[in-house]
Amino acid sequence: MQLVGILQIKSYEKIKEFLDEEHVGRLSSIDQNGFPQIIPMNFVFLNDVVYMHSHIRGEKLDNISRNNRVGFEADRELEFLPSYFEDPHNASLADTLYISVVIKGIATFVSDREEKTLALNGLMKKYQPEGKYDPIQLDMRVLDAVSVIKIIPQTLYGKYKIGQHLKPEDKLKLAQNILKKNSPTAKQTLEIMGFKITENGLEMIDEPIW
């Protein structure tokens, strides 16, 4: 079975929803020796671009100054599926349910104070949604003490694997195995798969549309 098309996230809203929820993304740039450098970063996806804040000096900034073509990705492992779900003798059947988004884009350093303020406040709103802070203002000196990196996507590709490639009866069997295994992520995974835990077991409430 060819899974490539089945695994693609076709909903841009789902991609934005995923990026809004994820706290760690990875920025890839090319260093002075031509090697990729990958760094985990806090980020916010705002107005269809990625913003990240950084110290005003550093290797990643030097890399972007030389070559502004970068990669960015965020991913979430939903559930590891042990091989014994299918066959206790065949380790090759182990698998993983996941969501991921990969971006190829052009990176710039934000110099406009209004946009910089927008990005930093966007980061605060994402990571500290409970508030309890004073919003950053245009005249604050902190704007000069940090660098804000902006990635304008040239390509944006999302993939997900939540059992959508399975027959309904096989997907239910997989969900039952996940429920039985009872990992820390099991409940969230089952909800994403479209199942509800009831007194009688599992009930498919909606077939997720991605």
N, C-alpha and C. Protein backbone atom coordinates (compact mmCIF):
# COMPACT_ATOMS: atom_id res chain seq x y z
N MET A 1 0.84 -1.20 0.00
CA MET A 1 0.00 0.00 0.00
C MET A 1 0.88 1.25 0.00
N GLN A 2 0.57 2.20 -0.89
CA GLN A 2 1.28 3.47 -0.92
C GLN A 2 0.66 4.40 0.11
N LEU A 3 1.45 4.78 1.14
CA LEU A 3 0.91 5.55 2.25
C LEU A 3 1.15 7.05 2.12
N VAL A 4 1.99 7.48 1.17
CA VAL A 4 2.42 8.88 1.15
C VAL A 4 1.24 9.84 1.14
N GLY A 5 0.30 9.66 0.20
CA GLY A 5 -0.84 10.57 0.12
C GLY A 5 -1.76 10.47 1.31
N ILE A 6 -1.94 9.25 1.81
CA ILE A 6 -2.83 9.04 2.96
C ILE A 6 -2.29 9.72 4.20
N LEU A 7 -0.97 9.80 4.32
CA LEU A 7 -0.34 10.35 5.52
C LEU A 7 -0.19 11.87 5.48
N GLN A 8 -0.46 12.49 4.35
CA GLN A 8 -0.29 13.94 4.25
C GLN A 8 -1.41 14.70 4.94
N ILE A 9 -1.04 15.71 5.73
CA ILE A 9 -2.03 16.60 6.32
C ILE A 9 -2.50 17.57 5.24
N LYS A 10 -3.75 17.50 4.87
CA LYS A 10 -4.26 18.34 3.79
C LYS A 10 -4.91 19.63 4.30
N SER A 11 -5.22 19.66 5.60
CA SER A 11 -5.87 20.82 6.19
C SER A 11 -4.84 21.81 6.74
N TYR A 12 -4.81 23.01 6.17
CA TYR A 12 -3.89 24.04 6.67
C TYR A 12 -4.26 24.43 8.09
N GLU A 13 -5.55 24.40 8.40
CA GLU A 13 -5.98 24.72 9.77
C GLU A 13 -5.45 23.70 10.76
N LYS A 14 -5.39 22.43 10.38
CA LYS A 14 -4.83 21.41 11.26
C LYS A 14 -3.34 21.63 11.48
N ILE A 15 -2.64 22.05 10.43
CA ILE A 15 -1.22 22.34 10.57
C ILE A 15 -1.01 23.49 11.54
N LYS A 16 -1.79 24.56 11.39
CA LYS A 16 -1.68 25.70 12.30
C LYS A 16 -2.02 25.30 13.72
N GLU A 17 -3.06 24.49 13.88
CA GLU A 17 -3.46 24.02 15.21
C GLU A 17 -2.32 23.24 15.86
N PHE A 18 -1.68 22.38 15.09
CA PHE A 18 -0.57 21.59 15.61
C PHE A 18 0.60 22.48 16.03
N LEU A 19 0.96 23.44 15.18
CA LEU A 19 2.08 24.33 15.49
C LEU A 19 1.76 25.22 16.70
N ASP A 20 0.51 25.56 16.86
CA ASP A 20 0.11 26.35 18.03
C ASP A 20 0.29 25.56 19.33
N GLU A 21 0.14 24.25 19.24
CA GLU A 21 0.20 23.41 20.44
C GLU A 21 1.62 22.98 20.79
N GLU A 22 2.49 22.88 19.80
CA GLU A 22 3.85 22.37 20.05
C GLU A 22 4.74 23.45 20.64
N HIS A 23 5.58 23.06 21.58
CA HIS A 23 6.44 24.02 22.27
C HIS A 23 7.87 24.01 21.78
N VAL A 24 8.29 22.96 21.08
CA VAL A 24 9.68 22.89 20.61
C VAL A 24 9.69 22.64 19.11
N GLY A 25 10.39 23.51 18.41
CA GLY A 25 10.64 23.31 16.99
C GLY A 25 12.14 23.24 16.77
N ARG A 26 12.55 22.81 15.60
CA ARG A 26 13.98 22.67 15.31
C ARG A 26 14.34 23.46 14.07
N LEU A 27 15.30 24.36 14.25
CA LEU A 27 15.78 25.22 13.18
C LEU A 27 17.04 24.62 12.59
N SER A 28 17.08 24.46 11.29
CA SER A 28 18.25 23.92 10.60
C SER A 28 18.84 25.01 9.70
N SER A 29 20.12 25.30 9.92
CA SER A 29 20.84 26.24 9.07
C SER A 29 22.16 25.60 8.66
N ILE A 30 22.87 26.23 7.74
CA ILE A 30 24.12 25.67 7.22
C ILE A 30 25.30 26.45 7.81
N ASP A 31 26.23 25.72 8.44
CA ASP A 31 27.36 26.40 9.08
C ASP A 31 28.45 26.74 8.07
N GLN A 32 29.52 27.36 8.56
CA GLN A 32 30.56 27.87 7.66
C GLN A 32 31.32 26.76 6.94
N ASN A 33 31.22 25.53 7.45
CA ASN A 33 31.87 24.41 6.80
C ASN A 33 30.93 23.60 5.92
N GLY A 34 29.70 24.09 5.77
CA GLY A 34 28.74 23.43 4.90
C GLY A 34 27.93 22.33 5.55
N PHE A 35 28.05 22.19 6.88
CA PHE A 35 27.29 21.18 7.60
C PHE A 35 25.98 21.78 8.12
N PRO A 36 24.90 20.99 8.14
CA PRO A 36 23.67 21.49 8.75
C PRO A 36 23.81 21.57 10.26
N GLN A 37 23.33 22.65 10.84
CA GLN A 37 23.26 22.81 12.29
C GLN A 37 21.79 22.84 12.68
N ILE A 38 21.42 21.96 13.60
CA ILE A 38 20.02 21.86 14.03
C ILE A 38 19.93 22.23 15.50
N ILE A 39 19.05 23.18 15.81
CA ILE A 39 18.92 23.68 17.17
C ILE A 39 17.45 23.68 17.58
N PRO A 40 17.12 23.13 18.77
CA PRO A 40 15.75 23.22 19.26
C PRO A 40 15.44 24.65 19.71
N MET A 41 14.25 25.13 19.37
CA MET A 41 13.89 26.51 19.65
C MET A 41 12.43 26.61 20.09
N ASN A 42 12.14 27.57 20.96
CA ASN A 42 10.77 28.00 21.16
C ASN A 42 10.34 28.78 19.92
N PHE A 43 9.06 28.73 19.59
CA PHE A 43 8.61 29.40 18.37
C PHE A 43 7.13 29.72 18.46
N VAL A 44 6.69 30.60 17.59
CA VAL A 44 5.27 30.85 17.42
C VAL A 44 4.98 30.97 15.93
N PHE A 45 3.88 30.35 15.50
CA PHE A 45 3.44 30.44 14.11
C PHE A 45 2.35 31.50 14.06
N LEU A 46 2.69 32.64 13.51
CA LEU A 46 1.83 33.81 13.59
C LEU A 46 1.77 34.48 12.22
N ASN A 47 0.56 34.74 11.75
CA ASN A 47 0.38 35.37 10.43
C ASN A 47 1.11 34.59 9.34
N ASP A 48 1.08 33.27 9.46
CA ASP A 48 1.60 32.35 8.45
C ASP A 48 3.12 32.35 8.33
N VAL A 49 3.82 32.85 9.34
CA VAL A 49 5.27 32.76 9.38
C VAL A 49 5.69 32.25 10.76
N VAL A 50 6.92 31.77 10.86
CA VAL A 50 7.47 31.29 12.12
C VAL A 50 8.34 32.39 12.72
N TYR A 51 8.13 32.69 13.99
CA TYR A 51 8.99 33.63 14.72
C TYR A 51 9.68 32.88 15.86
N MET A 52 10.95 33.22 16.06
CA MET A 52 11.73 32.70 17.19
C MET A 52 12.56 33.83 17.74
N HIS A 53 12.83 33.80 19.05
CA HIS A 53 13.70 34.82 19.61
C HIS A 53 15.04 34.18 19.99
N SER A 54 16.07 35.02 20.01
CA SER A 54 17.42 34.51 20.21
C SER A 54 18.28 35.60 20.84
N HIS A 55 19.42 35.16 21.39
CA HIS A 55 20.46 36.12 21.76
C HIS A 55 20.92 36.84 20.51
N ILE A 56 21.46 38.03 20.67
CA ILE A 56 21.83 38.83 19.50
C ILE A 56 23.09 38.33 18.80
N ARG A 57 23.81 37.39 19.42
CA ARG A 57 24.99 36.80 18.79
C ARG A 57 24.91 35.29 18.90
N GLY A 58 25.47 34.60 17.90
CA GLY A 58 25.47 33.15 17.95
C GLY A 58 25.69 32.54 16.58
N GLU A 59 26.04 31.26 16.60
CA GLU A 59 26.38 30.58 15.35
C GLU A 59 25.20 30.54 14.38
N LYS A 60 23.99 30.29 14.90
CA LYS A 60 22.84 30.20 13.99
C LYS A 60 22.58 31.53 13.29
N LEU A 61 22.85 32.65 14.01
CA LEU A 61 22.67 33.96 13.38
C LEU A 61 23.72 34.18 12.30
N ASP A 62 24.95 33.75 12.57
CA ASP A 62 26.01 33.84 11.56
C ASP A 62 25.65 32.99 10.34
N ASN A 63 25.12 31.80 10.60
CA ASN A 63 24.74 30.92 9.49
C ASN A 63 23.69 31.57 8.61
N ILE A 64 22.66 32.14 9.23
CA ILE A 64 21.57 32.77 8.48
C ILE A 64 22.07 33.99 7.71
N SER A 65 23.03 34.71 8.29
CA SER A 65 23.59 35.89 7.60
C SER A 65 24.30 35.47 6.32
N ARG A 66 24.93 34.30 6.35
CA ARG A 66 25.62 33.81 5.15
C ARG A 66 24.66 33.17 4.15
N ASN A 67 23.69 32.43 4.67
CA ASN A 67 22.76 31.68 3.82
C ASN A 67 21.40 31.66 4.51
N ASN A 68 20.46 32.39 3.94
CA ASN A 68 19.16 32.55 4.63
C ASN A 68 18.15 31.46 4.28
N ARG A 69 18.59 30.44 3.57
CA ARG A 69 17.71 29.30 3.31
C ARG A 69 17.81 28.33 4.48
N VAL A 70 16.68 28.08 5.13
CA VAL A 70 16.70 27.27 6.35
C VAL A 70 15.61 26.21 6.31
N GLY A 71 15.72 25.27 7.23
CA GLY A 71 14.67 24.30 7.45
C GLY A 71 14.13 24.46 8.85
N PHE A 72 12.89 24.05 9.04
CA PHE A 72 12.27 24.09 10.36
C PHE A 72 11.31 22.92 10.46
N GLU A 73 11.28 22.28 11.62
CA GLU A 73 10.33 21.18 11.81
C GLU A 73 9.88 21.10 13.25
N ALA A 74 8.67 20.56 13.42
CA ALA A 74 8.13 20.25 14.73
C ALA A 74 7.43 18.91 14.62
N ASP A 75 7.55 18.10 15.66
CA ASP A 75 6.94 16.78 15.60
C ASP A 75 6.45 16.37 16.98
N ARG A 76 5.56 15.39 16.98
CA ARG A 76 5.05 14.84 18.23
C ARG A 76 4.87 13.33 18.07
N GLU A 77 5.53 12.57 18.91
CA GLU A 77 5.28 11.14 18.95
C GLU A 77 4.03 10.91 19.78
N LEU A 78 3.01 10.36 19.16
CA LEU A 78 1.77 10.09 19.86
C LEU A 78 1.85 8.78 20.65
N GLU A 79 2.31 7.75 19.97
CA GLU A 79 2.30 6.44 20.61
C GLU A 79 3.26 5.50 19.89
N PHE A 80 4.13 4.85 20.66
CA PHE A 80 4.93 3.77 20.10
C PHE A 80 4.10 2.50 20.11
N LEU A 81 4.06 1.82 18.97
CA LEU A 81 3.28 0.59 18.85
C LEU A 81 4.23 -0.59 18.88
N PRO A 82 4.28 -1.32 19.98
CA PRO A 82 5.20 -2.46 20.06
C PRO A 82 4.85 -3.54 19.05
N SER A 83 5.85 -4.28 18.64
CA SER A 83 5.64 -5.30 17.60
C SER A 83 4.65 -6.36 18.03
N TYR A 84 4.56 -6.62 19.34
CA TYR A 84 3.67 -7.69 19.80
C TYR A 84 2.19 -7.34 19.65
N PHE A 85 1.87 -6.10 19.31
CA PHE A 85 0.48 -5.79 18.96
C PHE A 85 0.04 -6.65 17.77
N GLU A 86 1.00 -6.96 16.88
CA GLU A 86 0.70 -7.72 15.67
C GLU A 86 1.21 -9.16 15.76
N ASP A 87 2.47 -9.31 16.21
CA ASP A 87 3.11 -10.63 16.21
C ASP A 87 4.24 -10.62 17.23
N PRO A 88 4.17 -11.44 18.27
CA PRO A 88 5.20 -11.43 19.31
C PRO A 88 6.57 -11.93 18.83
N HIS A 89 6.62 -12.44 17.60
CA HIS A 89 7.88 -12.99 17.09
C HIS A 89 8.52 -12.13 16.00
N ASN A 90 7.87 -11.05 15.59
CA ASN A 90 8.34 -10.27 14.45
C ASN A 90 8.58 -8.82 14.86
N ALA A 91 9.82 -8.50 15.22
CA ALA A 91 10.15 -7.15 15.69
C ALA A 91 9.97 -6.08 14.63
N SER A 92 10.00 -6.47 13.36
CA SER A 92 9.90 -5.48 12.28
C SER A 92 8.53 -4.82 12.21
N LEU A 93 7.56 -5.33 12.95
CA LEU A 93 6.21 -4.77 12.92
C LEU A 93 6.03 -3.61 13.90
N ALA A 94 7.05 -3.30 14.70
CA ALA A 94 6.98 -2.14 15.59
C ALA A 94 6.77 -0.87 14.76
N ASP A 95 6.01 0.06 15.29
CA ASP A 95 5.65 1.25 14.52
C ASP A 95 5.41 2.41 15.48
N THR A 96 5.12 3.58 14.95
CA THR A 96 4.87 4.77 15.75
C THR A 96 3.74 5.59 15.14
N LEU A 97 2.83 6.05 15.98
CA LEU A 97 1.85 7.05 15.56
C LEU A 97 2.43 8.43 15.85
N TYR A 98 2.25 9.38 14.93
CA TYR A 98 2.94 10.67 15.07
C TYR A 98 2.24 11.76 14.27
N ILE A 99 2.67 12.99 14.54
CA ILE A 99 2.31 14.17 13.74
C ILE A 99 3.59 14.95 13.50
N SER A 100 3.79 15.48 12.30
CA SER A 100 4.98 16.28 12.05
C SER A 100 4.69 17.33 10.98
N VAL A 101 5.40 18.44 11.08
CA VAL A 101 5.32 19.51 10.08
C VAL A 101 6.75 19.93 9.74
N VAL A 102 7.04 20.00 8.45
CA VAL A 102 8.37 20.38 7.98
C VAL A 102 8.24 21.58 7.06
N ILE A 103 9.09 22.58 7.30
CA ILE A 103 9.07 23.82 6.52
C ILE A 103 10.44 24.04 5.89
N LYS A 104 10.45 24.43 4.63
CA LYS A 104 11.65 25.00 4.00
C LYS A 104 11.33 26.46 3.75
N GLY A 105 12.23 27.35 4.18
CA GLY A 105 11.88 28.75 4.07
C GLY A 105 13.06 29.69 4.03
N ILE A 106 12.74 30.96 3.99
CA ILE A 106 13.73 32.04 3.97
C ILE A 106 13.71 32.74 5.32
N ALA A 107 14.88 32.80 5.96
CA ALA A 107 14.98 33.40 7.29
C ALA A 107 15.49 34.84 7.19
N THR A 108 14.89 35.72 7.98
CA THR A 108 15.34 37.10 8.07
C THR A 108 15.38 37.50 9.54
N PHE A 109 16.08 38.59 9.83
CA PHE A 109 16.10 39.15 11.17
C PHE A 109 15.13 40.33 11.21
N VAL A 110 14.21 40.30 12.13
CA VAL A 110 13.19 41.35 12.21
C VAL A 110 13.80 42.59 12.84
N SER A 111 13.73 43.70 12.12
CA SER A 111 14.24 44.97 12.65
C SER A 111 13.13 45.95 12.98
N ASP A 112 11.99 45.81 12.31
CA ASP A 112 10.85 46.70 12.57
C ASP A 112 10.36 46.48 13.99
N ARG A 113 10.28 47.53 14.78
CA ARG A 113 9.94 47.41 16.20
C ARG A 113 8.50 46.93 16.41
N GLU A 114 7.60 47.34 15.53
CA GLU A 114 6.22 46.89 15.67
C GLU A 114 6.11 45.39 15.44
N GLU A 115 6.79 44.90 14.41
CA GLU A 115 6.74 43.46 14.12
C GLU A 115 7.47 42.67 15.20
N LYS A 116 8.55 43.23 15.69
CA LYS A 116 9.31 42.57 16.75
C LYS A 116 8.45 42.46 18.02
N THR A 117 7.74 43.53 18.34
CA THR A 117 6.84 43.52 19.50
C THR A 117 5.73 42.51 19.31
N LEU A 118 5.17 42.46 18.11
CA LEU A 118 4.12 41.49 17.79
C LEU A 118 4.62 40.07 18.00
N ALA A 119 5.82 39.77 17.52
CA ALA A 119 6.38 38.42 17.63
C ALA A 119 6.64 38.04 19.08
N LEU A 120 7.24 38.94 19.84
CA LEU A 120 7.57 38.62 21.24
C LEU A 120 6.32 38.48 22.09
N ASN A 121 5.34 39.32 21.84
CA ASN A 121 4.07 39.17 22.57
C ASN A 121 3.35 37.88 22.14
N GLY A 122 3.51 37.50 20.87
CA GLY A 122 2.94 36.25 20.41
C GLY A 122 3.56 35.05 21.09
N LEU A 123 4.87 35.11 21.30
CA LEU A 123 5.56 34.05 22.03
C LEU A 123 5.08 33.97 23.47
N MET A 124 4.95 35.14 24.12
CA MET A 124 4.49 35.15 25.51
C MET A 124 3.06 34.60 25.63
N LYS A 125 2.21 34.98 24.71
CA LYS A 125 0.82 34.50 24.75
C LYS A 125 0.76 33.00 24.59
N LYS A 126 1.64 32.45 23.74
CA LYS A 126 1.65 31.01 23.51
C LYS A 126 2.17 30.25 24.72
N TYR A 127 3.29 30.70 25.28
CA TYR A 127 3.96 29.94 26.33
C TYR A 127 3.47 30.28 27.74
N GLN A 128 2.84 31.45 27.88
CA GLN A 128 2.31 31.82 29.20
C GLN A 128 0.86 32.28 29.02
N PRO A 129 -0.03 31.36 28.61
CA PRO A 129 -1.41 31.75 28.30
C PRO A 129 -2.19 32.24 29.51
N GLU A 130 -1.69 31.93 30.71
CA GLU A 130 -2.38 32.40 31.91
C GLU A 130 -2.15 33.88 32.16
N GLY A 131 -1.32 34.53 31.36
CA GLY A 131 -1.07 35.95 31.54
C GLY A 131 -0.10 36.22 32.68
N LYS A 132 -0.45 37.20 33.53
CA LYS A 132 0.37 37.57 34.69
C LYS A 132 1.71 38.14 34.27
N TYR A 133 1.68 38.96 33.20
CA TYR A 133 2.88 39.69 32.77
C TYR A 133 2.42 40.97 32.07
N ASP A 134 3.31 41.93 32.01
CA ASP A 134 3.02 43.17 31.29
C ASP A 134 3.44 42.98 29.83
N PRO A 135 2.54 43.19 28.88
CA PRO A 135 2.89 43.03 27.47
C PRO A 135 4.08 43.91 27.08
N ILE A 136 4.87 43.42 26.16
CA ILE A 136 6.03 44.17 25.67
C ILE A 136 5.55 45.36 24.85
N GLN A 137 6.18 46.50 25.08
CA GLN A 137 5.80 47.74 24.40
C GLN A 137 6.90 48.17 23.43
N LEU A 138 6.52 49.01 22.47
CA LEU A 138 7.45 49.45 21.42
C LEU A 138 8.69 50.14 21.97
N ASP A 139 8.55 50.83 23.11
CA ASP A 139 9.67 51.63 23.61
C ASP A 139 10.55 50.88 24.61
N MET A 140 10.29 49.60 24.82
CA MET A 140 11.07 48.85 25.80
C MET A 140 12.46 48.51 25.26
N ARG A 141 13.47 48.59 26.13
CA ARG A 141 14.84 48.31 25.72
C ARG A 141 15.08 46.84 25.40
N VAL A 142 14.18 45.98 25.89
CA VAL A 142 14.34 44.55 25.62
C VAL A 142 14.32 44.27 24.12
N LEU A 143 13.67 45.11 23.34
CA LEU A 143 13.63 44.92 21.89
C LEU A 143 15.02 44.99 21.27
N ASP A 144 15.92 45.74 21.90
CA ASP A 144 17.28 45.87 21.39
C ASP A 144 18.20 44.79 21.94
N ALA A 145 17.71 44.05 22.95
CA ALA A 145 18.56 43.06 23.62
C ALA A 145 18.35 41.65 23.09
N VAL A 146 17.36 41.47 22.21
CA VAL A 146 17.11 40.15 21.64
C VAL A 146 17.02 40.26 20.12
N SER A 147 17.31 39.14 19.49
CA SER A 147 17.12 39.03 18.04
C SER A 147 15.86 38.21 17.78
N VAL A 148 15.08 38.62 16.81
CA VAL A 148 13.90 37.86 16.41
C VAL A 148 14.11 37.35 14.99
N ILE A 149 14.06 36.04 14.86
CA ILE A 149 14.22 35.38 13.56
C ILE A 149 12.84 35.11 12.98
N LYS A 150 12.68 35.42 11.72
CA LYS A 150 11.41 35.20 11.02
C LYS A 150 11.67 34.24 9.86
N ILE A 151 10.86 33.18 9.78
CA ILE A 151 10.97 32.24 8.67
C ILE A 151 9.72 32.35 7.82
N ILE A 152 9.91 32.72 6.57
CA ILE A 152 8.81 32.78 5.61
C ILE A 152 8.80 31.46 4.84
N PRO A 153 7.77 30.63 5.05
CA PRO A 153 7.75 29.32 4.39
C PRO A 153 7.70 29.42 2.86
N GLN A 154 8.54 28.63 2.22
CA GLN A 154 8.45 28.44 0.78
C GLN A 154 7.70 27.14 0.47
N THR A 155 7.93 26.15 1.33
CA THR A 155 7.14 24.93 1.30
C THR A 155 6.78 24.56 2.72
N LEU A 156 5.61 24.01 2.90
CA LEU A 156 5.13 23.61 4.22
C LEU A 156 4.41 22.28 4.04
N TYR A 157 4.92 21.25 4.72
CA TYR A 157 4.39 19.91 4.51
C TYR A 157 4.11 19.24 5.85
N GLY A 158 2.91 18.72 6.01
CA GLY A 158 2.55 18.03 7.23
C GLY A 158 2.25 16.57 6.99
N LYS A 159 2.65 15.72 7.95
CA LYS A 159 2.35 14.29 7.90
C LYS A 159 1.77 13.86 9.24
N TYR A 160 0.91 12.87 9.19
CA TYR A 160 0.37 12.32 10.42
C TYR A 160 0.06 10.85 10.21
N LYS A 161 0.14 10.09 11.28
CA LYS A 161 -0.19 8.67 11.22
C LYS A 161 -0.96 8.33 12.48
N ILE A 162 -2.27 8.16 12.34
CA ILE A 162 -3.12 7.86 13.50
C ILE A 162 -4.04 6.68 13.21
N GLY A 163 -3.58 5.82 12.28
CA GLY A 163 -4.38 4.65 11.93
C GLY A 163 -5.34 4.87 10.80
N GLN A 164 -5.22 6.03 10.09
CA GLN A 164 -6.16 6.32 9.02
C GLN A 164 -5.99 5.41 7.82
N HIS A 165 -4.87 4.70 7.75
CA HIS A 165 -4.60 3.79 6.64
C HIS A 165 -5.16 2.39 6.88
N LEU A 166 -5.75 2.18 8.06
CA LEU A 166 -6.25 0.87 8.44
C LEU A 166 -7.75 0.71 8.15
N LYS A 167 -8.16 -0.54 7.99
CA LYS A 167 -9.59 -0.84 7.91
C LYS A 167 -10.22 -0.53 9.27
N PRO A 168 -11.52 -0.18 9.31
CA PRO A 168 -12.16 0.18 10.58
C PRO A 168 -11.97 -0.85 11.68
N GLU A 169 -12.09 -2.13 11.33
CA GLU A 169 -11.94 -3.17 12.36
C GLU A 169 -10.50 -3.26 12.88
N ASP A 170 -9.53 -3.00 11.98
CA ASP A 170 -8.12 -3.04 12.39
C ASP A 170 -7.77 -1.80 13.22
N LYS A 171 -8.39 -0.67 12.87
CA LYS A 171 -8.15 0.54 13.65
C LYS A 171 -8.71 0.40 15.06
N LEU A 172 -9.89 -0.21 15.17
CA LEU A 172 -10.48 -0.46 16.49
C LEU A 172 -9.59 -1.41 17.30
N LYS A 173 -9.07 -2.44 16.67
CA LYS A 173 -8.18 -3.38 17.36
C LYS A 173 -6.94 -2.66 17.86
N LEU A 174 -6.37 -1.79 17.01
CA LEU A 174 -5.21 -1.02 17.42
C LEU A 174 -5.55 -0.13 18.62
N ALA A 175 -6.69 0.55 18.56
CA ALA A 175 -7.11 1.42 19.67
C ALA A 175 -7.28 0.64 20.96
N GLN A 176 -7.82 -0.56 20.85
CA GLN A 176 -8.00 -1.40 22.03
C GLN A 176 -6.66 -1.80 22.64
N ASN A 177 -5.70 -2.09 21.78
CA ASN A 177 -4.35 -2.42 22.26
C ASN A 177 -3.69 -1.23 22.95
N ILE A 178 -3.91 -0.05 22.39
CA ILE A 178 -3.35 1.16 23.00
C ILE A 178 -3.98 1.40 24.37
N LEU A 179 -5.29 1.21 24.45
CA LEU A 179 -5.99 1.37 25.73
C LEU A 179 -5.47 0.37 26.75
N LYS A 180 -5.26 -0.84 26.33
CA LYS A 180 -4.78 -1.89 27.23
C LYS A 180 -3.36 -1.61 27.70
N LYS A 181 -2.52 -1.12 26.80
CA LYS A 181 -1.13 -0.81 27.16
C LYS A 181 -1.07 0.34 28.16
N ASN A 182 -2.00 1.29 28.00
CA ASN A 182 -2.19 2.38 28.98
C ASN A 182 -0.91 3.19 29.23
N SER A 183 -0.31 3.65 28.16
CA SER A 183 0.85 4.53 28.29
C SER A 183 0.40 5.91 28.76
N PRO A 184 1.32 6.78 29.18
CA PRO A 184 0.94 8.13 29.63
C PRO A 184 0.23 8.96 28.55
N THR A 185 0.48 8.61 27.27
CA THR A 185 -0.12 9.38 26.17
C THR A 185 -1.34 8.69 25.57
N ALA A 186 -1.74 7.54 26.11
CA ALA A 186 -2.78 6.73 25.48
C ALA A 186 -4.10 7.47 25.31
N LYS A 187 -4.56 8.15 26.36
CA LYS A 187 -5.86 8.82 26.29
C LYS A 187 -5.85 9.90 25.20
N GLN A 188 -4.80 10.71 25.17
CA GLN A 188 -4.72 11.77 24.15
C GLN A 188 -4.66 11.15 22.76
N THR A 189 -3.88 10.09 22.60
CA THR A 189 -3.76 9.45 21.30
C THR A 189 -5.11 8.93 20.82
N LEU A 190 -5.85 8.29 21.69
CA LEU A 190 -7.16 7.76 21.32
C LEU A 190 -8.13 8.87 20.93
N GLU A 191 -8.06 9.99 21.62
CA GLU A 191 -8.92 11.13 21.26
C GLU A 191 -8.57 11.65 19.87
N ILE A 192 -7.26 11.74 19.59
CA ILE A 192 -6.83 12.21 18.27
C ILE A 192 -7.26 11.23 17.19
N MET A 193 -7.27 9.94 17.52
CA MET A 193 -7.69 8.91 16.57
C MET A 193 -9.20 8.93 16.35
N GLY A 194 -9.93 9.63 17.22
CA GLY A 194 -11.38 9.73 17.07
C GLY A 194 -12.18 8.84 17.99
N PHE A 195 -11.52 8.29 19.02
CA PHE A 195 -12.20 7.37 19.93
C PHE A 195 -12.51 8.06 21.27
N LYS A 196 -13.57 7.60 21.89
CA LYS A 196 -13.96 8.03 23.22
C LYS A 196 -13.97 6.81 24.15
N ILE A 197 -13.36 6.98 25.32
CA ILE A 197 -13.36 5.90 26.30
C ILE A 197 -14.67 5.92 27.08
N THR A 198 -15.39 4.80 27.05
CA THR A 198 -16.67 4.71 27.75
C THR A 198 -16.61 3.55 28.76
N GLU A 199 -17.68 3.39 29.50
CA GLU A 199 -17.75 2.30 30.47
C GLU A 199 -17.69 0.93 29.79
N ASN A 200 -18.12 0.90 28.55
CA ASN A 200 -18.14 -0.36 27.81
C ASN A 200 -16.91 -0.56 26.93
N GLY A 201 -15.96 0.36 27.03
CA GLY A 201 -14.75 0.22 26.21
C GLY A 201 -14.52 1.45 25.36
N LEU A 202 -14.41 1.27 24.05
CA LEU A 202 -14.11 2.36 23.14
C LEU A 202 -15.26 2.60 22.17
N GLU A 203 -15.49 3.86 21.87
CA GLU A 203 -16.53 4.24 20.91
C GLU A 203 -15.94 5.25 19.94
N MET A 204 -16.09 4.98 18.64
CA MET A 204 -15.64 5.93 17.64
C MET A 204 -16.65 7.07 17.57
N ILE A 205 -16.20 8.29 17.92
CA ILE A 205 -17.12 9.42 17.93
C ILE A 205 -17.08 10.19 16.61
N ASP A 206 -15.89 10.32 16.05
CA ASP A 206 -15.73 11.02 14.77
C ASP A 206 -14.52 10.48 14.05
N GLU A 207 -14.64 10.35 12.74
CA GLU A 207 -13.47 10.03 11.94
C GLU A 207 -12.71 11.33 11.71
N PRO A 208 -11.51 11.46 12.27
CA PRO A 208 -10.78 12.74 12.17
C PRO A 208 -10.55 13.14 10.71
N ILE A 209 -10.73 14.41 10.44
CA ILE A 209 -10.48 14.95 9.10
C ILE A 209 -9.23 15.83 9.16
N TRP A 210 -8.22 15.41 8.46
CA TRP A 210 -6.94 16.13 8.43
C TRP A 210 -6.65 16.64 7.02
